[in-house]
Amino acid sequence: MTTTTNRIDVDRVVTTLVAEHGETARDRAHAGVSQCAERWLERDGDHDAFERFCQEHFAATDEDLGRLLDRLETALEQVRGHLYEMRRNLRRWNDLVGDSLPKTDALLATFDPAPDLAEQSYAQKLAFVALLNLRKSTLDEMLEHGADWTPERWAEARIVGSFGPRIPKDVADLARTLQFESSNWVANFHIPVGTMVDATGRRWFEADRALLAHWLVREEIKAGYNDPEGVHKQRALAWVMGRHVDGTIPASVMDGASTADWDPAANTIDGGDPGPLLELTRYDHWMDNVKVARALDEHHPDHPTAIDRKFGLEREIPEAEVERLLVDLLAAPVRRDLASLLSDRLGRPLEAHDVYFDDLFETRDADAMNEAVRRLCTDEAGFQAKLPEILRGLGWPDEDADFLGTRVRVEIARGSGHAMRPQLPEYGAWLRTNRLKDQLGWDGFDTGMHELGHNLEQLCSTFFVPRPAMRGVPNTACTEAFAFLYQSLAKRVLGIEDNAAAERAHHEETVASMLMACQIAGPSLVELRTWRWIYETGDACDAAGIRDAVLRNAKAVWDEFFLEDYGVDPYHILGAYQHMLGHPLYLADYAIGRTISHQIRSFMQGRDLATETRRICSIGRMTPDAWMRIAVGGPLSAAPLIKDTGTAVEAIR
């Protein structure tokens, strides 16, 4: 992208502004003019046009700056808020179970009513007004000083930060198209398991059953702990997971052409050759994400890689700090005690698929759990109607319970559960979960409680924050913290948790949090190291290379952090998470979210859940570090979770 900085005499323009507004304006004028000049292109006008623009739009007084901040905040809220609401509505048919016109639904889901909005904000000069008058803040500045900033200073940082580099329309179109194709493939990639047999030759599923990879395969593995013979099912499903990771699922299984027994361990069909395999399909979609990243790289000089943008722009936590947190979790000595506890519970040595064993204390079988949900609500409509009552049962005051509970719409997603926030106060939040054929079921309710945690954060951080520009929480890890927190309350909501055992329940949840944090920390490291390899490899990177890198990194991380306790992993199970394709570099947010969730949950002990949820979710979009210091009085750290896990293991034993 060619700028006209070399054609613009910044000092001359600053001198003009100082002559008009006085010497006290010099520093602000120099900063603002320089910020504008960096983005001003030849098509925006010549030097004289640039100088006239700066003279006309420079806000010289504090009063004018305050009025300008208010106007820009309102304008951006309206423009971006309404466009966001349009876009999420256009995705409805593609995202939800029900009436389907696949081709049309995909077209609507990718339709963008304002594809060049970012460029138009520059072409029509709105972005330049912000750049001329508001201070652009770096992550280092926010980390060092942000905790002491006023809401107005944060609004300034968020508004000017929202005007990113100028992305050409063809690049934006490419990114939108390929990102949708990847996420859509993930949402619809169900592996048929009706013909799957275990090592004993048993089929475990009805003929037409298919499981969403990797989520529902994982959930079925977890369900196997409730069956005396479940380990055979678990091993077979782990091989299904492995075939998904390395691309060796038979094509005839995927397209339903074969009805014969598929043994995923040997990868045979009726004991013979499986025929053509899927091969690189998964990694072709990963490669699409690489194409998007490369197309964007050159337009982000301050954050020239997808890794830089994820950590520096989106997550606002330095890459080294996130990696250190992941390693701290995985290298914690208490994991040896946890592994011993797991093995004792299972009555056998741990196997690779036991990384998914995190509900050590579940005593009810699936039918009992489904029945407990049925007593509360039979389907998603009943769940939605019960939300105000659920919130009141968790201690929310009547007014808040009704206000928030009636602003959540519950629906059934085609893929995994998710939540969508409103971007304008007049809209509500969306909660998407899954269900069984004839009822919501425990899995649907459990997922629904997770998404409800998201929704409560989304609604509180929409309605109760100090300023519209601060809506939201620092990053997705913070919203995941509340999702995990409320998911942990699912059994209490159903009335099947013994209140007298609250302390033990806290210890049990601490252990579960540590297990789940480590379960996701491994794949997070695999993904981060794979993206590093992608950038190190450059143009030589291709789908086959990415597959090899995933398999290699999955083995290396496993051998370093899991092998001693869980044994050999023939499945490359740490490479299975589909977030790697649908939401690149997102996985670490779950581990961070688990860590934050534990810090918040521990902080809330003895405090009112509803009051603290509202207070913390109303802080506003600061950096995670500043947000955590206000929320719980200390920085983000794995140390509290690790320490409390040691205490919990001893208490449980």
Foldseek 3Di string as FASTA:
>chain_A
DDFCLVQEDLVVLLVVVCVVQHPVCNVLQSQLLVLLRVQHHVVLDGRVSSSVVLVVQEDRDPVSLVVVLVVLQVVCLVPVQVQVVCQVVLQVQLWFPDDDDDVVSLVSNLDRPCLQVLVVCVSVPVLSSLSSHADADFLVCQVVCVLPDDPSNVSSNLSNLVNAFRADSVLSSLLSVLLSVLQSCQLQQWFQQQQEAFPVRDRDDHNRDTHRFPVRLLVLLQLLLVPPPSVRVNVQSLLVLLCVLQFFQQPCRRVVVDSAHQRSVVRAGVPHDSPDTRGLPNLQSLVSVVVSQCSCQVRHVVQNGPVSCCCGPFQSHDPVVLLVQLVCLLVQPCVVLLLVVVCVLSVHAFAPSCLSHQQSPDDDHQVVQQVLVVVQPFAQVSVLVCQLVLVVLQPDPNVVSVVQSNQEREGETSGAWAKAARSALVHGIYTYHHDDPGGRGNRRLLSRQLRVLLRLLRNLLCPQAPGSSQRHAQHPLQSSLSSLLRSLCSCVSSVNDDPVCVVLSLLSVLSSLSSVLNSLSLLLQLLVVLSVVDVVCPPVDDSVNSSVSSLVSLQVSCVVRPCVRRNDRPSSNSSGDSCCSNPNSCSSSNSLSSQLNNLLVVQCVVHRPNVLSSVLSRHGHRNQQSSSCVSRNHGRHNVVSSVSNVVSSVVVD
